[in-house]
N, C-alpha and C. Protein backbone atom coordinates (compact mmCIF):
# COMPACT_ATOMS: atom_id res chain seq x y z
N MET A 1 0.82 -1.20 0.00
CA MET A 1 0.00 0.00 0.00
C MET A 1 0.86 1.26 0.00
N GLY A 2 1.99 1.20 0.74
CA GLY A 2 2.89 2.35 0.80
C GLY A 2 3.52 2.67 -0.54
N TYR A 3 3.76 1.63 -1.36
CA TYR A 3 4.34 1.84 -2.69
C TYR A 3 3.36 2.60 -3.59
N ILE A 4 2.09 2.27 -3.48
CA ILE A 4 1.09 2.93 -4.31
C ILE A 4 0.99 4.40 -3.94
N ILE A 5 1.00 4.70 -2.67
CA ILE A 5 0.93 6.10 -2.21
C ILE A 5 2.17 6.87 -2.67
N ALA A 6 3.33 6.26 -2.53
CA ALA A 6 4.56 6.91 -2.98
C ALA A 6 4.53 7.13 -4.50
N TRP A 7 4.04 6.13 -5.24
CA TRP A 7 3.93 6.22 -6.70
C TRP A 7 3.06 7.42 -7.09
N VAL A 8 1.91 7.55 -6.44
CA VAL A 8 0.96 8.63 -6.75
C VAL A 8 1.55 9.99 -6.37
N ILE A 9 2.19 10.07 -5.22
CA ILE A 9 2.80 11.34 -4.78
C ILE A 9 3.89 11.76 -5.75
N LEU A 10 4.75 10.82 -6.15
CA LEU A 10 5.81 11.15 -7.11
C LEU A 10 5.21 11.53 -8.47
N ALA A 11 4.15 10.85 -8.88
CA ALA A 11 3.49 11.18 -10.14
C ALA A 11 2.90 12.59 -10.07
N LEU A 12 2.34 12.97 -8.93
CA LEU A 12 1.81 14.33 -8.77
C LEU A 12 2.92 15.38 -8.83
N LEU A 13 4.08 15.06 -8.26
CA LEU A 13 5.22 15.97 -8.34
C LEU A 13 5.68 16.16 -9.78
N VAL A 14 5.72 15.07 -10.53
CA VAL A 14 6.09 15.15 -11.94
C VAL A 14 5.04 15.97 -12.69
N GLY A 15 3.78 15.78 -12.35
CA GLY A 15 2.70 16.57 -12.96
C GLY A 15 2.88 18.05 -12.68
N ALA A 16 3.29 18.38 -11.47
CA ALA A 16 3.54 19.79 -11.12
C ALA A 16 4.68 20.37 -11.96
N ILE A 17 5.70 19.57 -12.19
CA ILE A 17 6.80 20.02 -13.07
C ILE A 17 6.28 20.22 -14.49
N GLY A 18 5.42 19.31 -14.92
CA GLY A 18 4.85 19.39 -16.26
C GLY A 18 3.94 20.59 -16.47
N SER A 19 3.40 21.15 -15.40
CA SER A 19 2.50 22.29 -15.55
C SER A 19 3.22 23.52 -16.09
N ASN A 20 4.52 23.58 -15.94
CA ASN A 20 5.31 24.71 -16.47
C ASN A 20 5.94 24.37 -17.81
N ARG A 21 5.49 23.30 -18.41
CA ARG A 21 6.03 22.86 -19.69
C ARG A 21 4.90 22.64 -20.68
N LYS A 22 5.28 22.48 -21.92
CA LYS A 22 4.29 22.32 -22.97
C LYS A 22 3.45 21.06 -22.78
N ILE A 23 4.01 20.03 -22.17
CA ILE A 23 3.29 18.77 -21.96
C ILE A 23 2.09 18.97 -21.04
N GLY A 24 2.18 19.87 -20.10
CA GLY A 24 1.09 20.16 -19.18
C GLY A 24 1.02 19.19 -18.01
N PHE A 25 0.25 19.57 -17.01
CA PHE A 25 0.11 18.77 -15.79
C PHE A 25 -0.50 17.40 -16.08
N GLY A 26 -1.60 17.39 -16.82
CA GLY A 26 -2.35 16.16 -17.05
C GLY A 26 -1.55 15.09 -17.76
N MET A 27 -0.88 15.45 -18.84
CA MET A 27 -0.11 14.46 -19.60
C MET A 27 1.10 13.98 -18.80
N ALA A 28 1.75 14.87 -18.09
CA ALA A 28 2.90 14.46 -17.26
C ALA A 28 2.43 13.50 -16.18
N LEU A 29 1.29 13.79 -15.58
CA LEU A 29 0.73 12.91 -14.55
C LEU A 29 0.35 11.56 -15.15
N LEU A 30 -0.27 11.58 -16.31
CA LEU A 30 -0.68 10.34 -16.96
C LEU A 30 0.51 9.43 -17.26
N TRP A 31 1.56 10.01 -17.88
CA TRP A 31 2.75 9.20 -18.18
C TRP A 31 3.39 8.66 -16.90
N SER A 32 3.39 9.48 -15.87
CA SER A 32 4.00 9.06 -14.60
C SER A 32 3.24 7.93 -13.94
N ILE A 33 1.93 7.96 -14.05
CA ILE A 33 1.12 6.89 -13.44
C ILE A 33 1.20 5.62 -14.28
N LEU A 34 1.09 5.78 -15.61
CA LEU A 34 1.08 4.61 -16.49
C LEU A 34 2.43 3.90 -16.57
N LEU A 35 3.49 4.66 -16.73
CA LEU A 35 4.81 4.04 -16.93
C LEU A 35 5.58 3.95 -15.62
N SER A 36 5.90 5.09 -15.07
CA SER A 36 6.53 5.20 -13.75
C SER A 36 6.85 6.67 -13.56
N PRO A 37 6.97 7.12 -12.33
CA PRO A 37 7.32 8.52 -12.11
C PRO A 37 8.67 8.89 -12.74
N LEU A 38 9.61 7.98 -12.75
CA LEU A 38 10.92 8.26 -13.35
C LEU A 38 10.80 8.46 -14.86
N VAL A 39 10.10 7.56 -15.53
CA VAL A 39 9.91 7.68 -16.99
C VAL A 39 9.09 8.93 -17.28
N GLY A 40 8.06 9.18 -16.47
CA GLY A 40 7.25 10.39 -16.64
C GLY A 40 8.08 11.65 -16.48
N LEU A 41 9.01 11.64 -15.53
CA LEU A 41 9.90 12.79 -15.33
C LEU A 41 10.80 12.99 -16.54
N ILE A 42 11.33 11.94 -17.08
CA ILE A 42 12.19 12.04 -18.27
C ILE A 42 11.41 12.61 -19.45
N ILE A 43 10.21 12.10 -19.67
CA ILE A 43 9.38 12.61 -20.76
C ILE A 43 9.06 14.08 -20.53
N THR A 44 8.74 14.42 -19.31
CA THR A 44 8.39 15.80 -18.97
C THR A 44 9.57 16.74 -19.18
N LEU A 45 10.75 16.31 -18.76
CA LEU A 45 11.92 17.17 -18.91
C LEU A 45 12.33 17.35 -20.37
N PHE A 46 11.97 16.40 -21.23
CA PHE A 46 12.25 16.56 -22.66
C PHE A 46 11.22 17.45 -23.35
N SER A 47 10.11 17.69 -22.68
CA SER A 47 9.09 18.59 -23.22
C SER A 47 9.60 20.03 -23.14
N GLU A 48 9.27 20.80 -24.15
CA GLU A 48 9.72 22.19 -24.21
C GLU A 48 9.11 22.98 -23.05
N SER A 49 9.92 23.84 -22.44
CA SER A 49 9.40 24.65 -21.34
C SER A 49 8.46 25.72 -21.88
N GLU A 50 7.51 26.10 -21.06
CA GLU A 50 6.49 27.06 -21.45
C GLU A 50 7.11 28.40 -21.84
N SER A 51 8.16 28.82 -21.15
CA SER A 51 8.79 30.10 -21.47
C SER A 51 9.43 30.08 -22.85
N LYS A 52 9.99 28.94 -23.27
CA LYS A 52 10.60 28.85 -24.60
C LYS A 52 9.54 28.81 -25.69
N SER A 53 8.44 28.11 -25.44
CA SER A 53 7.41 27.98 -26.47
C SER A 53 6.65 29.29 -26.67
N LYS A 54 6.69 30.18 -25.70
CA LYS A 54 6.01 31.47 -25.81
C LYS A 54 7.02 32.61 -25.95
N LYS A 55 8.19 32.31 -26.41
CA LYS A 55 9.25 33.29 -26.43
C LYS A 55 9.01 34.42 -27.44
N ILE A 56 8.41 34.12 -28.58
CA ILE A 56 8.20 35.14 -29.60
C ILE A 56 7.05 36.03 -29.14
N PRO A 57 7.32 37.33 -28.96
CA PRO A 57 6.25 38.24 -28.55
C PRO A 57 5.17 38.34 -29.62
N ASN A 58 3.96 38.64 -29.17
CA ASN A 58 2.82 38.71 -30.08
C ASN A 58 3.03 39.73 -31.20
N TYR A 59 3.66 40.86 -30.89
CA TYR A 59 3.80 41.89 -31.91
C TYR A 59 4.65 41.42 -33.08
N LYS A 60 5.64 40.56 -32.81
CA LYS A 60 6.51 40.09 -33.90
C LYS A 60 5.74 39.22 -34.89
N LYS A 61 4.84 38.38 -34.37
CA LYS A 61 4.03 37.53 -35.24
C LYS A 61 3.19 38.39 -36.17
N HIS A 62 2.55 39.42 -35.60
CA HIS A 62 1.68 40.28 -36.41
C HIS A 62 2.50 41.13 -37.38
N LYS A 63 3.67 41.55 -36.95
CA LYS A 63 4.53 42.35 -37.83
C LYS A 63 4.96 41.51 -39.04
N GLU A 64 5.31 40.25 -38.81
CA GLU A 64 5.67 39.36 -39.92
C GLU A 64 4.50 39.14 -40.86
N LEU A 65 3.31 38.91 -40.29
CA LEU A 65 2.13 38.71 -41.13
C LEU A 65 1.82 39.96 -41.94
N GLY A 66 2.04 41.12 -41.33
CA GLY A 66 1.83 42.38 -42.05
C GLY A 66 2.81 42.54 -43.21
N ALA A 67 4.05 42.17 -42.97
CA ALA A 67 5.07 42.27 -44.03
C ALA A 67 4.73 41.31 -45.18
N LYS A 68 4.26 40.11 -44.85
CA LYS A 68 3.87 39.15 -45.89
C LYS A 68 2.69 39.68 -46.70
N ALA A 69 1.70 40.23 -46.01
CA ALA A 69 0.53 40.77 -46.71
C ALA A 69 0.93 41.96 -47.58
N GLU A 70 1.83 42.78 -47.07
CA GLU A 70 2.31 43.93 -47.84
C GLU A 70 3.05 43.47 -49.09
N TYR A 71 3.84 42.43 -48.97
CA TYR A 71 4.57 41.88 -50.10
C TYR A 71 3.61 41.39 -51.18
N LYS A 72 2.47 40.87 -50.75
CA LYS A 72 1.46 40.36 -51.69
C LYS A 72 0.51 41.47 -52.17
N ASN A 73 0.82 42.71 -51.83
CA ASN A 73 -0.02 43.87 -52.17
C ASN A 73 -1.42 43.76 -51.58
N GLU A 74 -1.54 43.11 -50.44
CA GLU A 74 -2.80 43.03 -49.71
C GLU A 74 -2.73 44.06 -48.59
N ASN A 75 -2.86 45.34 -48.99
CA ASN A 75 -2.61 46.44 -48.07
C ASN A 75 -3.57 46.48 -46.89
N GLU A 76 -4.84 46.16 -47.10
CA GLU A 76 -5.80 46.18 -45.99
C GLU A 76 -5.42 45.14 -44.93
N LYS A 77 -5.04 43.96 -45.37
CA LYS A 77 -4.60 42.91 -44.44
C LYS A 77 -3.33 43.36 -43.72
N ALA A 78 -2.42 43.96 -44.47
CA ALA A 78 -1.17 44.43 -43.88
C ALA A 78 -1.44 45.46 -42.80
N ILE A 79 -2.34 46.39 -43.09
CA ILE A 79 -2.69 47.42 -42.10
C ILE A 79 -3.28 46.77 -40.85
N ASP A 80 -4.17 45.80 -41.04
CA ASP A 80 -4.77 45.11 -39.89
C ASP A 80 -3.70 44.44 -39.03
N HIS A 81 -2.77 43.75 -39.68
CA HIS A 81 -1.72 43.07 -38.91
C HIS A 81 -0.79 44.07 -38.22
N TYR A 82 -0.45 45.16 -38.91
CA TYR A 82 0.41 46.17 -38.28
C TYR A 82 -0.30 46.82 -37.10
N MET A 83 -1.61 47.03 -37.23
CA MET A 83 -2.38 47.61 -36.13
C MET A 83 -2.42 46.64 -34.94
N ASP A 84 -2.54 45.35 -35.22
CA ASP A 84 -2.48 44.35 -34.15
C ASP A 84 -1.13 44.38 -33.45
N ALA A 85 -0.06 44.51 -34.24
CA ALA A 85 1.28 44.59 -33.66
C ALA A 85 1.40 45.83 -32.78
N LEU A 86 0.85 46.95 -33.25
CA LEU A 86 0.87 48.18 -32.44
C LEU A 86 0.12 47.98 -31.13
N TYR A 87 -1.03 47.33 -31.23
CA TYR A 87 -1.81 47.08 -30.02
C TYR A 87 -0.97 46.32 -28.99
N HIS A 88 -0.31 45.26 -29.43
CA HIS A 88 0.49 44.46 -28.50
C HIS A 88 1.68 45.24 -27.96
N LEU A 89 2.32 46.03 -28.80
CA LEU A 89 3.45 46.83 -28.32
C LEU A 89 3.01 47.86 -27.28
N GLU A 90 1.83 48.41 -27.48
CA GLU A 90 1.36 49.45 -26.57
C GLU A 90 0.74 48.89 -25.29
N ASN A 91 0.23 47.66 -25.33
CA ASN A 91 -0.51 47.15 -24.18
C ASN A 91 0.13 45.97 -23.45
N ASP A 92 0.89 45.14 -24.12
CA ASP A 92 1.44 43.94 -23.48
C ASP A 92 2.54 44.25 -22.46
N TYR A 93 3.09 45.43 -22.50
CA TYR A 93 4.24 45.73 -21.65
C TYR A 93 3.90 46.70 -20.52
N LYS A 94 2.61 46.98 -20.31
CA LYS A 94 2.20 47.93 -19.27
C LYS A 94 2.60 47.49 -17.88
N ASN A 95 2.39 46.22 -17.55
CA ASN A 95 2.66 45.73 -16.20
C ASN A 95 3.97 44.95 -16.09
N LYS A 96 4.74 44.95 -17.17
CA LYS A 96 6.02 44.24 -17.15
C LYS A 96 7.15 45.22 -16.91
N LYS A 97 8.11 44.79 -16.14
CA LYS A 97 9.28 45.63 -15.92
C LYS A 97 10.29 45.29 -17.02
N ILE A 98 10.57 46.29 -17.85
CA ILE A 98 11.56 46.11 -18.91
C ILE A 98 12.62 47.19 -18.75
N SER A 99 13.77 46.91 -19.28
CA SER A 99 14.88 47.85 -19.14
C SER A 99 14.63 49.09 -19.99
N LYS A 100 15.40 50.10 -19.73
CA LYS A 100 15.28 51.36 -20.48
C LYS A 100 15.57 51.11 -21.96
N THR A 101 16.57 50.28 -22.24
CA THR A 101 16.93 49.95 -23.63
C THR A 101 15.79 49.21 -24.32
N GLN A 102 15.20 48.25 -23.63
CA GLN A 102 14.07 47.51 -24.21
C GLN A 102 12.89 48.43 -24.47
N ASN A 103 12.66 49.37 -23.56
CA ASN A 103 11.55 50.31 -23.74
C ASN A 103 11.82 51.24 -24.92
N GLU A 104 13.07 51.65 -25.09
CA GLU A 104 13.42 52.50 -26.24
C GLU A 104 13.20 51.74 -27.55
N LYS A 105 13.57 50.46 -27.58
CA LYS A 105 13.34 49.64 -28.77
C LYS A 105 11.84 49.49 -29.03
N ARG A 106 11.08 49.30 -27.96
CA ARG A 106 9.62 49.16 -28.09
C ARG A 106 9.03 50.43 -28.69
N LEU A 107 9.45 51.58 -28.19
CA LEU A 107 8.96 52.85 -28.72
C LEU A 107 9.38 53.06 -30.17
N GLN A 108 10.57 52.61 -30.50
CA GLN A 108 11.06 52.70 -31.89
C GLN A 108 10.19 51.83 -32.81
N HIS A 109 9.86 50.63 -32.37
CA HIS A 109 8.99 49.74 -33.15
C HIS A 109 7.61 50.39 -33.35
N ILE A 110 7.11 51.03 -32.31
CA ILE A 110 5.81 51.69 -32.40
C ILE A 110 5.85 52.77 -33.47
N GLU A 111 6.88 53.59 -33.44
CA GLU A 111 6.99 54.67 -34.43
C GLU A 111 7.12 54.13 -35.85
N GLU A 112 7.92 53.07 -36.01
CA GLU A 112 8.08 52.46 -37.34
C GLU A 112 6.75 51.91 -37.86
N LEU A 113 6.01 51.26 -36.99
CA LEU A 113 4.73 50.68 -37.40
C LEU A 113 3.71 51.75 -37.72
N LYS A 114 3.69 52.84 -36.94
CA LYS A 114 2.77 53.94 -37.22
C LYS A 114 3.09 54.57 -38.58
N LYS A 115 4.37 54.72 -38.86
CA LYS A 115 4.79 55.27 -40.15
C LYS A 115 4.38 54.35 -41.29
N LYS A 116 4.57 53.03 -41.09
CA LYS A 116 4.20 52.04 -42.10
C LYS A 116 2.71 52.07 -42.38
N VAL A 117 1.89 52.15 -41.33
CA VAL A 117 0.43 52.19 -41.48
C VAL A 117 0.03 53.47 -42.23
N SER A 118 0.65 54.59 -41.89
CA SER A 118 0.34 55.85 -42.60
C SER A 118 0.68 55.75 -44.08
N GLU A 119 1.80 55.15 -44.39
CA GLU A 119 2.21 54.97 -45.80
C GLU A 119 1.20 54.10 -46.54
N LEU A 120 0.79 53.02 -45.91
CA LEU A 120 -0.15 52.11 -46.57
C LEU A 120 -1.53 52.73 -46.75
N LYS A 121 -1.91 53.61 -45.82
CA LYS A 121 -3.20 54.31 -45.93
C LYS A 121 -3.12 55.46 -46.93
N GLY A 122 -1.90 55.82 -47.32
CA GLY A 122 -1.72 56.92 -48.27
C GLY A 122 -1.81 58.29 -47.62
N GLU A 123 -1.48 58.35 -46.36
CA GLU A 123 -1.54 59.63 -45.63
C GLU A 123 -0.25 60.39 -45.72
């Protein structure tokens, strides 16, 4: 009986580790219970960490999509994507502490995107 309790506790610990990874709590727990906590831990540690999988900021994705749409002469789509990028640059960093250099880069990106949107609108 003690082995089963230890197995479940270790599986829960592996699940907790998995909650900060792409595999998630549930899958890490499942592998740990089905195979063993050790095998579950190995699988979990090979899973990409959540911080790495979300590393690309939202504004970069929209900026790339805007550039692709602009290349295809789909100016309305490009404007929409650039506006989405502006939204993320202006709002995603309100409660985050970033360095002065990072903030200067952020403001520079904002100005570049505003200029790009004005050009595409013909202003």
